Amino acid sequence: MKLPSSFQMAPFYENQTEIDEKNLRSEEDKWLSVYFYFDLTEEVKPWLDYERFLAEIFHYWNKNVNQLKAYFHNRKPQKAKPLMMAMSALLIDALFWLNKEKVRKLTSIITDIEGLVYTPVNSGERIHFILTHLSHYQGFVQMEMLFEELKKLYARVKIIERK
């Protein structure tokens, strides 16, 4: 699949123009190996059914958070970096999908996040910190806090929308 130039950005797709879809052996590969897979392919449109798909994102976070903790605890930040990238992409997806929007580009992602209605406090600034500190424990701590805040926000949005 040809990668749009608006997605060819660090840290996700720097110097990359294509994505090899042949390596996608499972549903989990779509979530963790190809950043923003559903936004790029529109195979399904999670932003139209955010409840179901945010539950998937939280599932992958819960499944991998202890591995990330172990990498940082054992001082292996380089091993944590690929998983941190995958989780940060899912975090960004979750923010957009909760707002019923897809990620359209990465070139102005921080500004785009700051323009969303439903976000945890200072999300743009915090995501920027995470993306520039993927191999640092403090980046992980910030990500963990954002995921916890996002879970609470998700519950609040569901209540608001049911009224």
N, C-alpha and C. Protein backbone atom coordinates (compact mmCIF):
# COMPACT_ATOMS: atom_id res chain seq x y z
N MET A 1 0.85 -1.16 0.00
CA MET A 1 0.00 0.00 0.00
C MET A 1 0.90 1.23 0.00
N LYS A 2 0.56 2.18 -0.83
CA LYS A 2 1.30 3.43 -0.90
C LYS A 2 0.93 4.28 0.31
N LEU A 3 1.94 4.82 0.95
CA LEU A 3 1.74 5.63 2.15
C LEU A 3 1.62 7.10 1.75
N PRO A 4 0.52 7.76 2.09
CA PRO A 4 0.39 9.18 1.74
C PRO A 4 1.51 10.01 2.37
N SER A 5 1.94 11.04 1.68
CA SER A 5 3.03 11.88 2.19
C SER A 5 2.65 12.53 3.52
N SER A 6 1.36 12.74 3.76
CA SER A 6 0.92 13.35 5.01
C SER A 6 1.12 12.44 6.23
N PHE A 7 1.45 11.17 5.98
CA PHE A 7 1.73 10.22 7.07
C PHE A 7 3.22 9.89 7.16
N GLN A 8 4.02 10.37 6.24
CA GLN A 8 5.45 10.07 6.22
C GLN A 8 6.18 11.01 7.17
N MET A 9 6.05 10.69 8.45
CA MET A 9 6.60 11.55 9.48
C MET A 9 7.20 10.75 10.62
N ALA A 10 8.22 11.32 11.23
CA ALA A 10 8.81 10.71 12.42
C ALA A 10 7.81 10.83 13.57
N PRO A 11 7.76 9.90 14.46
CA PRO A 11 8.58 8.69 14.52
C PRO A 11 7.96 7.50 13.80
N PHE A 12 6.78 7.67 13.22
CA PHE A 12 6.05 6.53 12.68
C PHE A 12 6.54 6.05 11.32
N TYR A 13 6.54 6.92 10.34
CA TYR A 13 6.86 6.50 8.97
C TYR A 13 7.89 7.41 8.32
N GLU A 14 8.92 7.73 9.04
CA GLU A 14 9.98 8.57 8.50
C GLU A 14 10.72 7.80 7.41
N ASN A 15 10.92 8.42 6.27
CA ASN A 15 11.63 7.81 5.13
C ASN A 15 10.97 6.53 4.63
N GLN A 16 9.68 6.45 4.73
CA GLN A 16 8.96 5.27 4.26
C GLN A 16 7.84 5.72 3.33
N THR A 17 7.73 5.09 2.18
CA THR A 17 6.71 5.50 1.21
C THR A 17 5.65 4.42 0.98
N GLU A 18 5.93 3.20 1.46
CA GLU A 18 4.98 2.10 1.30
C GLU A 18 4.90 1.26 2.54
N ILE A 19 3.77 0.56 2.67
CA ILE A 19 3.56 -0.38 3.76
C ILE A 19 3.34 -1.75 3.13
N ASP A 20 4.09 -2.73 3.60
CA ASP A 20 3.96 -4.08 3.07
C ASP A 20 2.85 -4.80 3.82
N GLU A 21 1.71 -4.94 3.19
CA GLU A 21 0.56 -5.58 3.83
C GLU A 21 0.66 -7.10 3.86
N LYS A 22 1.64 -7.66 3.17
CA LYS A 22 1.80 -9.12 3.15
C LYS A 22 2.19 -9.66 4.52
N ASN A 23 2.79 -8.81 5.36
CA ASN A 23 3.23 -9.25 6.68
C ASN A 23 2.12 -9.22 7.72
N LEU A 24 0.93 -8.82 7.33
CA LEU A 24 -0.19 -8.77 8.26
C LEU A 24 -0.84 -10.15 8.35
N ARG A 25 -0.41 -10.91 9.34
CA ARG A 25 -0.90 -12.28 9.48
C ARG A 25 -2.12 -12.39 10.39
N SER A 26 -2.30 -11.38 11.23
CA SER A 26 -3.39 -11.46 12.19
C SER A 26 -4.03 -10.10 12.37
N GLU A 27 -5.14 -10.09 13.05
CA GLU A 27 -5.82 -8.83 13.38
C GLU A 27 -4.91 -7.97 14.26
N GLU A 28 -4.19 -8.60 15.15
CA GLU A 28 -3.28 -7.87 16.04
C GLU A 28 -2.19 -7.15 15.25
N ASP A 29 -1.74 -7.73 14.15
CA ASP A 29 -0.74 -7.07 13.30
C ASP A 29 -1.28 -5.75 12.76
N LYS A 30 -2.56 -5.73 12.42
CA LYS A 30 -3.16 -4.49 11.92
C LYS A 30 -3.14 -3.40 12.99
N TRP A 31 -3.33 -3.81 14.22
CA TRP A 31 -3.37 -2.85 15.33
C TRP A 31 -1.97 -2.40 15.75
N LEU A 32 -1.03 -3.32 15.77
CA LEU A 32 0.27 -3.00 16.37
C LEU A 32 1.42 -2.84 15.39
N SER A 33 1.32 -3.39 14.20
CA SER A 33 2.44 -3.35 13.26
C SER A 33 2.33 -2.25 12.22
N VAL A 34 1.12 -1.91 11.85
CA VAL A 34 0.92 -0.84 10.86
C VAL A 34 0.21 0.30 11.59
N TYR A 35 0.97 1.32 11.90
CA TYR A 35 0.41 2.45 12.63
C TYR A 35 -0.68 3.13 11.79
N PHE A 36 -1.82 3.38 12.43
CA PHE A 36 -2.96 4.06 11.81
C PHE A 36 -3.55 3.26 10.64
N TYR A 37 -3.49 1.95 10.75
CA TYR A 37 -3.94 1.06 9.68
C TYR A 37 -5.36 1.39 9.22
N PHE A 38 -6.28 1.51 10.16
CA PHE A 38 -7.69 1.71 9.79
C PHE A 38 -7.94 3.11 9.23
N ASP A 39 -7.18 4.09 9.69
CA ASP A 39 -7.30 5.44 9.14
C ASP A 39 -6.79 5.48 7.71
N LEU A 40 -5.74 4.72 7.44
CA LEU A 40 -5.14 4.69 6.11
C LEU A 40 -5.96 3.89 5.11
N THR A 41 -6.48 2.74 5.54
CA THR A 41 -7.15 1.85 4.60
C THR A 41 -8.66 2.05 4.55
N GLU A 42 -9.24 2.51 5.64
CA GLU A 42 -10.69 2.61 5.79
C GLU A 42 -11.37 1.26 5.54
N GLU A 43 -10.62 0.19 5.82
CA GLU A 43 -11.17 -1.17 5.74
C GLU A 43 -12.44 -1.26 6.58
N VAL A 44 -12.36 -0.70 7.76
CA VAL A 44 -13.52 -0.43 8.60
C VAL A 44 -13.35 1.01 9.06
N LYS A 45 -14.41 1.60 9.59
CA LYS A 45 -14.33 3.01 10.00
C LYS A 45 -14.60 3.11 11.50
N PRO A 46 -13.56 2.90 12.31
CA PRO A 46 -13.73 2.88 13.76
C PRO A 46 -14.27 4.18 14.35
N TRP A 47 -14.05 5.28 13.69
CA TRP A 47 -14.55 6.55 14.20
C TRP A 47 -16.07 6.62 14.14
N LEU A 48 -16.70 5.73 13.38
CA LEU A 48 -18.16 5.68 13.32
C LEU A 48 -18.75 4.74 14.37
N ASP A 49 -17.91 3.91 14.98
CA ASP A 49 -18.33 2.96 16.01
C ASP A 49 -17.25 2.95 17.10
N TYR A 50 -16.99 4.13 17.65
CA TYR A 50 -15.85 4.27 18.55
C TYR A 50 -15.94 3.40 19.80
N GLU A 51 -17.14 3.12 20.28
CA GLU A 51 -17.26 2.32 21.50
C GLU A 51 -16.61 0.95 21.33
N ARG A 52 -16.91 0.30 20.23
CA ARG A 52 -16.36 -1.04 19.97
C ARG A 52 -14.84 -0.96 19.79
N PHE A 53 -14.38 0.02 19.06
CA PHE A 53 -12.97 0.07 18.71
C PHE A 53 -12.09 0.64 19.83
N LEU A 54 -12.63 1.52 20.65
CA LEU A 54 -11.84 1.97 21.80
C LEU A 54 -11.66 0.83 22.79
N ALA A 55 -12.66 -0.03 22.88
CA ALA A 55 -12.51 -1.22 23.73
C ALA A 55 -11.35 -2.08 23.23
N GLU A 56 -11.18 -2.18 21.92
CA GLU A 56 -10.04 -2.92 21.34
C GLU A 56 -8.71 -2.25 21.70
N ILE A 57 -8.67 -0.93 21.57
CA ILE A 57 -7.45 -0.21 21.90
C ILE A 57 -7.09 -0.42 23.37
N PHE A 58 -8.08 -0.31 24.27
CA PHE A 58 -7.81 -0.52 25.69
C PHE A 58 -7.36 -1.96 25.95
N HIS A 59 -7.90 -2.90 25.20
CA HIS A 59 -7.47 -4.30 25.31
C HIS A 59 -5.98 -4.42 24.98
N TYR A 60 -5.54 -3.82 23.88
CA TYR A 60 -4.13 -3.92 23.49
C TYR A 60 -3.23 -3.18 24.48
N TRP A 61 -3.70 -2.07 25.01
CA TRP A 61 -2.93 -1.37 26.03
C TRP A 61 -2.78 -2.25 27.27
N ASN A 62 -3.88 -2.79 27.77
CA ASN A 62 -3.83 -3.64 28.97
C ASN A 62 -2.96 -4.87 28.75
N LYS A 63 -2.98 -5.39 27.54
CA LYS A 63 -2.19 -6.58 27.21
C LYS A 63 -0.69 -6.28 27.19
N ASN A 64 -0.31 -5.04 26.87
CA ASN A 64 1.11 -4.72 26.66
C ASN A 64 1.73 -3.82 27.71
N VAL A 65 0.94 -3.22 28.59
CA VAL A 65 1.48 -2.27 29.55
C VAL A 65 2.51 -2.92 30.48
N ASN A 66 2.26 -4.15 30.91
CA ASN A 66 3.22 -4.80 31.81
C ASN A 66 4.54 -5.12 31.11
N GLN A 67 4.48 -5.41 29.82
CA GLN A 67 5.72 -5.64 29.06
C GLN A 67 6.53 -4.35 29.00
N LEU A 68 5.86 -3.24 28.77
CA LEU A 68 6.55 -1.95 28.74
C LEU A 68 7.17 -1.65 30.11
N LYS A 69 6.42 -1.89 31.17
CA LYS A 69 6.95 -1.67 32.52
C LYS A 69 8.20 -2.51 32.74
N ALA A 70 8.16 -3.75 32.28
CA ALA A 70 9.31 -4.64 32.45
C ALA A 70 10.52 -4.13 31.68
N TYR A 71 10.32 -3.69 30.45
CA TYR A 71 11.44 -3.15 29.67
C TYR A 71 12.10 -1.98 30.40
N PHE A 72 11.30 -1.06 30.89
CA PHE A 72 11.88 0.10 31.57
C PHE A 72 12.47 -0.28 32.93
N HIS A 73 11.82 -1.18 33.63
CA HIS A 73 12.35 -1.63 34.92
C HIS A 73 13.71 -2.31 34.75
N ASN A 74 13.85 -3.07 33.68
CA ASN A 74 15.12 -3.78 33.42
C ASN A 74 16.10 -2.95 32.60
N ARG A 75 15.80 -1.66 32.44
CA ARG A 75 16.67 -0.72 31.73
C ARG A 75 16.98 -1.16 30.30
N LYS A 76 15.90 -1.52 29.61
CA LYS A 76 16.01 -1.90 28.19
C LYS A 76 15.09 -1.00 27.35
N PRO A 77 15.37 0.31 27.36
CA PRO A 77 14.48 1.24 26.67
C PRO A 77 14.41 1.04 25.16
N GLN A 78 15.49 0.55 24.55
CA GLN A 78 15.46 0.33 23.10
C GLN A 78 14.50 -0.79 22.72
N LYS A 79 14.35 -1.77 23.61
CA LYS A 79 13.37 -2.84 23.36
C LYS A 79 11.95 -2.30 23.51
N ALA A 80 11.79 -1.29 24.34
CA ALA A 80 10.47 -0.71 24.58
C ALA A 80 10.02 0.17 23.42
N LYS A 81 10.95 0.76 22.69
CA LYS A 81 10.61 1.77 21.69
C LYS A 81 9.60 1.31 20.64
N PRO A 82 9.75 0.14 20.00
CA PRO A 82 8.73 -0.26 19.00
C PRO A 82 7.33 -0.40 19.60
N LEU A 83 7.25 -0.94 20.79
CA LEU A 83 5.95 -1.09 21.45
C LEU A 83 5.42 0.28 21.89
N MET A 84 6.29 1.16 22.30
CA MET A 84 5.88 2.53 22.65
C MET A 84 5.32 3.24 21.42
N MET A 85 5.94 3.02 20.26
CA MET A 85 5.43 3.63 19.03
C MET A 85 4.04 3.10 18.71
N ALA A 86 3.86 1.79 18.81
CA ALA A 86 2.56 1.18 18.53
C ALA A 86 1.49 1.71 19.49
N MET A 87 1.84 1.79 20.77
CA MET A 87 0.87 2.26 21.76
C MET A 87 0.57 3.75 21.59
N SER A 88 1.56 4.54 21.19
CA SER A 88 1.30 5.96 20.97
C SER A 88 0.40 6.16 19.76
N ALA A 89 0.56 5.33 18.72
CA ALA A 89 -0.34 5.40 17.56
C ALA A 89 -1.76 5.04 17.98
N LEU A 90 -1.91 4.02 18.82
CA LEU A 90 -3.24 3.65 19.31
C LEU A 90 -3.83 4.74 20.18
N LEU A 91 -3.00 5.39 20.97
CA LEU A 91 -3.47 6.49 21.82
C LEU A 91 -4.00 7.64 20.95
N ILE A 92 -3.26 7.98 19.91
CA ILE A 92 -3.70 9.03 18.99
C ILE A 92 -5.00 8.62 18.30
N ASP A 93 -5.05 7.37 17.82
CA ASP A 93 -6.29 6.89 17.21
C ASP A 93 -7.46 7.02 18.18
N ALA A 94 -7.25 6.60 19.42
CA ALA A 94 -8.33 6.65 20.41
C ALA A 94 -8.84 8.07 20.61
N LEU A 95 -7.94 9.04 20.65
CA LEU A 95 -8.35 10.43 20.82
C LEU A 95 -9.23 10.89 19.66
N PHE A 96 -8.80 10.57 18.44
CA PHE A 96 -9.57 10.98 17.27
C PHE A 96 -10.89 10.22 17.17
N TRP A 97 -10.86 8.91 17.36
CA TRP A 97 -12.07 8.11 17.21
C TRP A 97 -13.11 8.47 18.25
N LEU A 98 -12.67 8.79 19.47
CA LEU A 98 -13.60 9.23 20.51
C LEU A 98 -14.34 10.49 20.07
N ASN A 99 -13.69 11.28 19.24
CA ASN A 99 -14.28 12.50 18.71
C ASN A 99 -14.96 12.28 17.36
N LYS A 100 -15.11 11.01 17.00
CA LYS A 100 -15.77 10.61 15.75
C LYS A 100 -15.06 11.15 14.51
N GLU A 101 -13.75 11.16 14.60
CA GLU A 101 -12.92 11.60 13.48
C GLU A 101 -11.84 10.58 13.22
N LYS A 102 -11.37 10.55 11.98
CA LYS A 102 -10.23 9.68 11.66
C LYS A 102 -8.97 10.53 11.67
N VAL A 103 -7.84 9.90 11.80
CA VAL A 103 -6.57 10.60 11.68
C VAL A 103 -6.35 10.81 10.19
N ARG A 104 -6.33 12.04 9.77
CA ARG A 104 -6.20 12.36 8.34
C ARG A 104 -4.76 12.60 7.91
N LYS A 105 -3.94 13.03 8.88
CA LYS A 105 -2.55 13.31 8.57
C LYS A 105 -1.76 13.38 9.87
N LEU A 106 -0.45 13.18 9.75
CA LEU A 106 0.42 13.29 10.91
C LEU A 106 1.22 14.58 10.90
N THR A 107 1.20 15.28 9.78
CA THR A 107 2.03 16.47 9.63
C THR A 107 1.68 17.57 10.63
N SER A 108 0.45 17.62 11.09
CA SER A 108 0.06 18.64 12.09
C SER A 108 -0.70 17.97 13.24
N ILE A 109 -0.24 16.81 13.64
CA ILE A 109 -0.98 15.98 14.59
C ILE A 109 -1.20 16.67 15.94
N ILE A 110 -0.22 17.40 16.44
CA ILE A 110 -0.37 18.05 17.74
C ILE A 110 -1.44 19.13 17.66
N THR A 111 -1.40 19.95 16.65
CA THR A 111 -2.42 20.98 16.45
C THR A 111 -3.79 20.36 16.26
N ASP A 112 -3.85 19.28 15.50
CA ASP A 112 -5.12 18.60 15.27
C ASP A 112 -5.69 18.04 16.57
N ILE A 113 -4.84 17.48 17.42
CA ILE A 113 -5.29 16.96 18.72
C ILE A 113 -5.84 18.09 19.57
N GLU A 114 -5.15 19.21 19.57
CA GLU A 114 -5.59 20.35 20.38
C GLU A 114 -6.93 20.91 19.90
N GLY A 115 -7.32 20.62 18.67
CA GLY A 115 -8.60 21.07 18.13
C GLY A 115 -9.76 20.13 18.41
N LEU A 116 -9.48 18.97 19.00
CA LEU A 116 -10.56 18.01 19.30
C LEU A 116 -11.37 18.48 20.51
N VAL A 117 -12.63 18.09 20.54
CA VAL A 117 -13.52 18.49 21.64
C VAL A 117 -13.23 17.68 22.90
N TYR A 118 -13.18 16.36 22.77
CA TYR A 118 -12.99 15.49 23.93
C TYR A 118 -11.54 15.01 23.99
N THR A 119 -10.78 15.60 24.91
CA THR A 119 -9.40 15.16 25.13
C THR A 119 -9.04 15.38 26.60
N PRO A 120 -8.14 14.58 27.12
CA PRO A 120 -7.60 14.89 28.45
C PRO A 120 -6.85 16.24 28.40
N VAL A 121 -6.66 16.84 29.54
CA VAL A 121 -5.99 18.14 29.64
C VAL A 121 -4.59 18.08 29.01
N ASN A 122 -4.28 19.10 28.22
CA ASN A 122 -2.95 19.26 27.59
C ASN A 122 -2.54 18.05 26.74
N SER A 123 -3.49 17.42 26.08
CA SER A 123 -3.18 16.21 25.31
C SER A 123 -2.14 16.45 24.22
N GLY A 124 -2.26 17.55 23.49
CA GLY A 124 -1.32 17.81 22.41
C GLY A 124 0.12 17.90 22.91
N GLU A 125 0.29 18.67 23.95
CA GLU A 125 1.62 18.84 24.55
C GLU A 125 2.16 17.51 25.09
N ARG A 126 1.29 16.75 25.71
CA ARG A 126 1.71 15.48 26.31
C ARG A 126 2.04 14.44 25.24
N ILE A 127 1.24 14.40 24.16
CA ILE A 127 1.53 13.48 23.05
C ILE A 127 2.87 13.86 22.42
N HIS A 128 3.10 15.14 22.25
CA HIS A 128 4.39 15.60 21.70
C HIS A 128 5.54 15.10 22.58
N PHE A 129 5.39 15.21 23.89
CA PHE A 129 6.41 14.72 24.82
C PHE A 129 6.64 13.22 24.64
N ILE A 130 5.55 12.47 24.56
CA ILE A 130 5.67 11.01 24.39
C ILE A 130 6.40 10.68 23.09
N LEU A 131 6.00 11.31 22.00
CA LEU A 131 6.59 11.00 20.70
C LEU A 131 8.07 11.37 20.62
N THR A 132 8.49 12.35 21.41
CA THR A 132 9.91 12.73 21.41
C THR A 132 10.70 12.02 22.50
N HIS A 133 10.03 11.21 23.31
CA HIS A 133 10.68 10.48 24.39
C HIS A 133 10.23 9.02 24.44
N LEU A 134 10.16 8.38 23.28
CA LEU A 134 9.69 7.00 23.21
C LEU A 134 10.59 6.01 23.95
N SER A 135 11.84 6.33 24.09
CA SER A 135 12.78 5.42 24.76
C SER A 135 13.04 5.82 26.21
N HIS A 136 12.25 6.74 26.72
CA HIS A 136 12.45 7.22 28.09
C HIS A 136 11.30 6.80 28.99
N TYR A 137 11.66 6.48 30.20
CA TYR A 137 10.66 6.07 31.19
C TYR A 137 9.60 7.14 31.38
N GLN A 138 10.00 8.42 31.40
CA GLN A 138 9.03 9.50 31.60
C GLN A 138 8.01 9.56 30.46
N GLY A 139 8.42 9.21 29.25
CA GLY A 139 7.47 9.12 28.14
C GLY A 139 6.43 8.04 28.40
N PHE A 140 6.90 6.91 28.94
CA PHE A 140 5.98 5.82 29.29
C PHE A 140 5.02 6.26 30.39
N VAL A 141 5.54 6.93 31.41
CA VAL A 141 4.69 7.39 32.52
C VAL A 141 3.60 8.31 32.00
N GLN A 142 3.97 9.21 31.11
CA GLN A 142 3.00 10.14 30.54
C GLN A 142 1.94 9.38 29.72
N MET A 143 2.39 8.37 28.97
CA MET A 143 1.46 7.57 28.18
C MET A 143 0.50 6.81 29.09
N GLU A 144 1.02 6.23 30.14
CA GLU A 144 0.18 5.48 31.07
C GLU A 144 -0.89 6.39 31.69
N MET A 145 -0.49 7.59 32.06
CA MET A 145 -1.46 8.54 32.64
C MET A 145 -2.50 8.95 31.61
N LEU A 146 -2.07 9.19 30.38
CA LEU A 146 -3.02 9.57 29.33
C LEU A 146 -4.03 8.47 29.04
N PHE A 147 -3.56 7.22 29.02
CA PHE A 147 -4.49 6.12 28.80
C PHE A 147 -5.52 6.04 29.93
N GLU A 148 -5.08 6.24 31.17
CA GLU A 148 -6.02 6.19 32.30
C GLU A 148 -7.03 7.33 32.20
N GLU A 149 -6.57 8.52 31.86
CA GLU A 149 -7.47 9.66 31.71
C GLU A 149 -8.42 9.45 30.53
N LEU A 150 -7.92 8.84 29.47
CA LEU A 150 -8.74 8.60 28.30
C LEU A 150 -9.85 7.59 28.60
N LYS A 151 -9.56 6.58 29.41
CA LYS A 151 -10.58 5.61 29.81
C LYS A 151 -11.72 6.31 30.55
N LYS A 152 -11.37 7.22 31.45
CA LYS A 152 -12.38 7.96 32.20
C LYS A 152 -13.18 8.89 31.28
N LEU A 153 -12.49 9.54 30.38
CA LEU A 153 -13.15 10.43 29.42
C LEU A 153 -14.10 9.65 28.52
N TYR A 154 -13.67 8.48 28.09
CA TYR A 154 -14.49 7.59 27.27
C TYR A 154 -15.81 7.27 27.99
N ALA A 155 -15.72 6.93 29.26
CA ALA A 155 -16.92 6.62 30.04
C ALA A 155 -17.82 7.85 30.14
N ARG A 156 -17.22 9.01 30.34
CA ARG A 156 -18.00 10.25 30.45
C ARG A 156 -18.69 10.58 29.13
N VAL A 157 -18.00 10.42 28.02
CA VAL A 157 -18.59 10.71 26.71
C VAL A 157 -19.75 9.77 26.42
N LYS A 158 -19.61 8.51 26.79
CA LYS A 158 -20.71 7.55 26.58
C LYS A 158 -21.96 8.00 27.35
N ILE A 159 -21.77 8.48 28.57
CA ILE A 159 -22.91 8.95 29.38
C ILE A 159 -23.53 10.20 28.74
N ILE A 160 -22.69 11.13 28.33
CA ILE A 160 -23.18 12.37 27.70
C ILE A 160 -24.00 12.05 26.46
N GLU A 161 -23.51 11.13 25.64
CA GLU A 161 -24.19 10.81 24.38
C GLU A 161 -25.48 10.04 24.58
N ARG A 162 -25.65 9.39 25.70
CA ARG A 162 -26.88 8.62 25.96
C ARG A 162 -27.99 9.50 26.49
N LYS A 163 -27.67 10.72 26.90
CA LYS A 163 -28.71 11.63 27.46
C LYS A 163 -29.57 12.18 26.38
